[in-house]
Amino acid sequence: MRQSREQMVNDQHVRDGFVLVTNADSPYQMTVRNSLVLCDTTDGAITVTLPPVAEAAGKIFTIGLDTDGGTDVTVTDYQTDSWYSTDIFDITMADAGDGNCLYSDGKAWWTLTART
């Protein structure tokens, strides 16, 4: 029996750290297992929250806007991750193909590369 696309994405998420986020999933809270998050804004804007910076120490995460429905993807840090300052870490992606590769050193998020 063939699996639905949703079931395949869920199975792959568990196995490979990949997840496809749609507006129905917004806001989406990443875990340390989500190494690749692709967003589809066909049904509206999406907010993706990074995992806690301390739990993600030494890990690299890629978040991208895969399908652009005319609204943005906002990537923000976990609610208690203002270690260096009181400013909230926010990234906005507006066009298909935009993406960010982020690294956690356990105290802060660092942008390794950004494509806009």
C-alpha atoms as a PDB file:
ATOM      1  CA  MET A   1       0.000   0.000   0.000  1.00  0.00           C
ATOM      2  CA  ARG A   2       1.362   3.438  -0.914  1.00  0.00           C
ATOM      3  CA  GLN A   3       2.001   5.929   1.859  1.00  0.00           C
ATOM      4  CA  SER A   4       0.575   9.432   1.733  1.00  0.00           C
ATOM      5  CA  ARG A   5       3.054  12.313   1.289  1.00  0.00           C
ATOM      6  CA  GLU A   6       2.387  13.391   4.887  1.00  0.00           C
ATOM      7  CA  GLN A   7       3.192   9.926   6.239  1.00  0.00           C
ATOM      8  CA  MET A   8       6.389   9.770   4.183  1.00  0.00           C
ATOM      9  CA  VAL A   9       7.470  13.186   5.492  1.00  0.00           C
ATOM     10  CA  ASN A  10       6.718  12.115   9.063  1.00  0.00           C
ATOM     11  CA  ASP A  11       8.665   8.869   8.614  1.00  0.00           C
ATOM     12  CA  GLN A  12      11.588  10.725   7.057  1.00  0.00           C
ATOM     13  CA  HIS A  13      11.488  13.321   9.862  1.00  0.00           C
ATOM     14  CA  VAL A  14      12.007  10.573  12.404  1.00  0.00           C
ATOM     15  CA  ARG A  15      14.693   8.857  10.374  1.00  0.00           C
ATOM     16  CA  ASP A  16      16.678  11.693   8.790  1.00  0.00           C
ATOM     17  CA  GLY A  17      15.963  14.888  10.726  1.00  0.00           C
ATOM     18  CA  PHE A  18      14.021  16.394   7.779  1.00  0.00           C
ATOM     19  CA  VAL A  19      10.655  18.078   8.150  1.00  0.00           C
ATOM     20  CA  LEU A  20       8.407  19.960   5.720  1.00  0.00           C
ATOM     21  CA  VAL A  21       6.512  22.741   7.503  1.00  0.00           C
ATOM     22  CA  THR A  22       3.280  24.200   6.149  1.00  0.00           C
ATOM     23  CA  ASN A  23       1.095  26.963   7.553  1.00  0.00           C
ATOM     24  CA  ALA A  24      -0.954  24.354   9.416  1.00  0.00           C
ATOM     25  CA  ASP A  25       2.194  23.581  11.440  1.00  0.00           C
ATOM     26  CA  SER A  26       2.928  27.226  12.282  1.00  0.00           C
ATOM     27  CA  PRO A  27       4.388  28.025  14.673  1.00  0.00           C
ATOM     28  CA  TYR A  28       6.805  25.110  14.392  1.00  0.00           C
ATOM     29  CA  GLN A  29       9.115  24.288  17.314  1.00  0.00           C
ATOM     30  CA  MET A  30      12.307  22.625  16.088  1.00  0.00           C
ATOM     31  CA  THR A  31      14.043  19.923  18.087  1.00  0.00           C
ATOM     32  CA  VAL A  32      17.731  19.022  18.038  1.00  0.00           C
ATOM     33  CA  ARG A  33      16.798  16.200  15.639  1.00  0.00           C
ATOM     34  CA  ASN A  34      15.593  18.633  12.925  1.00  0.00           C
ATOM     35  CA  SER A  35      18.731  19.193  10.872  1.00  0.00           C
ATOM     36  CA  LEU A  36      16.770  20.334   7.780  1.00  0.00           C
ATOM     37  CA  VAL A  37      13.499  22.264   7.843  1.00  0.00           C
ATOM     38  CA  LEU A  38      11.882  23.301   4.565  1.00  0.00           C
ATOM     39  CA  CYS A  39       8.862  25.601   4.587  1.00  0.00           C
ATOM     40  CA  ASP A  40       5.896  25.893   2.236  1.00  0.00           C
ATOM     41  CA  THR A  41       4.039  29.210   2.649  1.00  0.00           C
ATOM     42  CA  THR A  42       1.310  28.407   0.121  1.00  0.00           C
ATOM     43  CA  ASP A  43      -1.281  28.593   2.917  1.00  0.00           C
ATOM     44  CA  GLY A  44       0.255  31.517   4.821  1.00  0.00           C
ATOM     45  CA  ALA A  45       3.171  32.784   6.865  1.00  0.00           C
ATOM     46  CA  ILE A  46       5.232  30.422   9.020  1.00  0.00           C
ATOM     47  CA  THR A  47       7.202  30.936  12.208  1.00  0.00           C
ATOM     48  CA  VAL A  48       9.956  28.427  13.014  1.00  0.00           C
ATOM     49  CA  THR A  49      11.479  28.454  16.488  1.00  0.00           C
ATOM     50  CA  LEU A  50      14.996  27.080  16.897  1.00  0.00           C
ATOM     51  CA  PRO A  51      15.675  24.484  19.587  1.00  0.00           C
ATOM     52  CA  PRO A  52      17.206  25.723  22.859  1.00  0.00           C
ATOM     53  CA  VAL A  53      20.730  26.924  22.036  1.00  0.00           C
ATOM     54  CA  ALA A  54      22.354  24.970  24.891  1.00  0.00           C
ATOM     55  CA  GLU A  55      20.723  21.686  23.820  1.00  0.00           C
ATOM     56  CA  ALA A  56      21.831  22.282  20.217  1.00  0.00           C
ATOM     57  CA  ALA A  57      25.521  22.856  21.055  1.00  0.00           C
ATOM     58  CA  GLY A  58      27.801  21.688  18.250  1.00  0.00           C
ATOM     59  CA  LYS A  59      24.976  21.129  15.769  1.00  0.00           C
ATOM     60  CA  ILE A  60      24.230  22.698  12.398  1.00  0.00           C
ATOM     61  CA  PHE A  61      20.674  23.402  11.221  1.00  0.00           C
ATOM     62  CA  THR A  62      19.396  24.436   7.803  1.00  0.00           C
ATOM     63  CA  ILE A  63      16.065  26.222   7.383  1.00  0.00           C
ATOM     64  CA  GLY A  64      14.772  27.166   3.956  1.00  0.00           C
ATOM     65  CA  LEU A  65      11.783  28.584   2.122  1.00  0.00           C
ATOM     66  CA  ASP A  66      11.012  25.853  -0.402  1.00  0.00           C
ATOM     67  CA  THR A  67       7.651  26.979  -1.824  1.00  0.00           C
ATOM     68  CA  ASP A  68       6.743  30.669  -1.678  1.00  0.00           C
ATOM     69  CA  GLY A  69       3.057  31.481  -1.361  1.00  0.00           C
ATOM     70  CA  GLY A  70       3.660  35.223  -1.080  1.00  0.00           C
ATOM     71  CA  THR A  71       4.177  35.319   2.690  1.00  0.00           C
ATOM     72  CA  ASP A  72       7.310  35.080   4.830  1.00  0.00           C
ATOM     73  CA  VAL A  73       9.036  32.557   7.025  1.00  0.00           C
ATOM     74  CA  THR A  74      10.354  33.945  10.312  1.00  0.00           C
ATOM     75  CA  VAL A  75      13.010  32.040  12.233  1.00  0.00           C
ATOM     76  CA  THR A  76      13.341  32.966  15.884  1.00  0.00           C
ATOM     77  CA  ASP A  77      15.301  31.690  18.868  1.00  0.00           C
ATOM     78  CA  TYR A  78      13.894  29.736  21.782  1.00  0.00           C
ATOM     79  CA  GLN A  79      12.157  31.955  24.348  1.00  0.00           C
ATOM     80  CA  THR A  80      14.949  31.852  26.959  1.00  0.00           C
ATOM     81  CA  ASP A  81      17.974  32.069  24.650  1.00  0.00           C
ATOM     82  CA  SER A  82      18.962  35.715  25.114  1.00  0.00           C
ATOM     83  CA  TRP A  83      22.363  34.872  26.572  1.00  0.00           C
ATOM     84  CA  TYR A  84      24.359  37.672  24.931  1.00  0.00           C
ATOM     85  CA  SER A  85      21.687  40.355  24.841  1.00  0.00           C
ATOM     86  CA  THR A  86      18.007  40.981  25.340  1.00  0.00           C
ATOM     87  CA  ASP A  87      17.443  41.180  21.575  1.00  0.00           C
ATOM     88  CA  ILE A  88      15.471  38.361  20.012  1.00  0.00           C
ATOM     89  CA  PHE A  89      17.235  36.523  17.201  1.00  0.00           C
ATOM     90  CA  ASP A  90      15.029  36.836  14.103  1.00  0.00           C
ATOM     91  CA  ILE A  91      15.609  35.938  10.465  1.00  0.00           C
ATOM     92  CA  THR A  92      13.023  36.568   7.745  1.00  0.00           C
ATOM     93  CA  MET A  93      12.912  34.675   4.455  1.00  0.00           C
ATOM     94  CA  ALA A  94      10.670  36.103   1.736  1.00  0.00           C
ATOM     95  CA  ASP A  95      11.394  34.230  -1.503  1.00  0.00           C
ATOM     96  CA  ALA A  96      11.589  30.603  -2.628  1.00  0.00           C
ATOM     97  CA  GLY A  97      15.198  29.486  -2.411  1.00  0.00           C
ATOM     98  CA  ASP A  98      16.016  31.683   0.604  1.00  0.00           C
ATOM     99  CA  GLY A  99      17.709  29.760   3.367  1.00  0.00           C
ATOM    100  CA  ASN A 100      19.989  29.916   6.361  1.00  0.00           C
ATOM    101  CA  CYS A 101      22.525  27.528   7.778  1.00  0.00           C
ATOM    102  CA  LEU A 102      22.917  28.079  11.536  1.00  0.00           C
ATOM    103  CA  TYR A 103      25.355  26.753  14.135  1.00  0.00           C
ATOM    104  CA  SER A 104      24.973  26.633  17.913  1.00  0.00           C
ATOM    105  CA  ASP A 105      28.051  26.957  20.106  1.00  0.00           C
ATOM    106  CA  GLY A 106      25.876  26.305  23.163  1.00  0.00           C
ATOM    107  CA  LYS A 107      25.622  29.992  24.061  1.00  0.00           C
ATOM    108  CA  ALA A 108      24.574  31.717  20.836  1.00  0.00           C
ATOM    109  CA  TRP A 109      23.367  31.056  17.301  1.00  0.00           C
ATOM    110  CA  TRP A 110      25.776  31.816  14.476  1.00  0.00           C
ATOM    111  CA  THR A 111      24.840  32.197  10.814  1.00  0.00           C
ATOM    112  CA  LEU A 112      27.235  30.090   8.786  1.00  0.00           C
ATOM    113  CA  THR A 113      25.692  31.098   5.477  1.00  0.00           C
ATOM    114  CA  ALA A 114      22.554  32.781   4.215  1.00  0.00           C
ATOM    115  CA  ARG A 115      20.996  32.702   0.778  1.00  0.00           C
ATOM    116  CA  THR A 116      18.594  35.467  -0.131  1.00  0.00           C
END
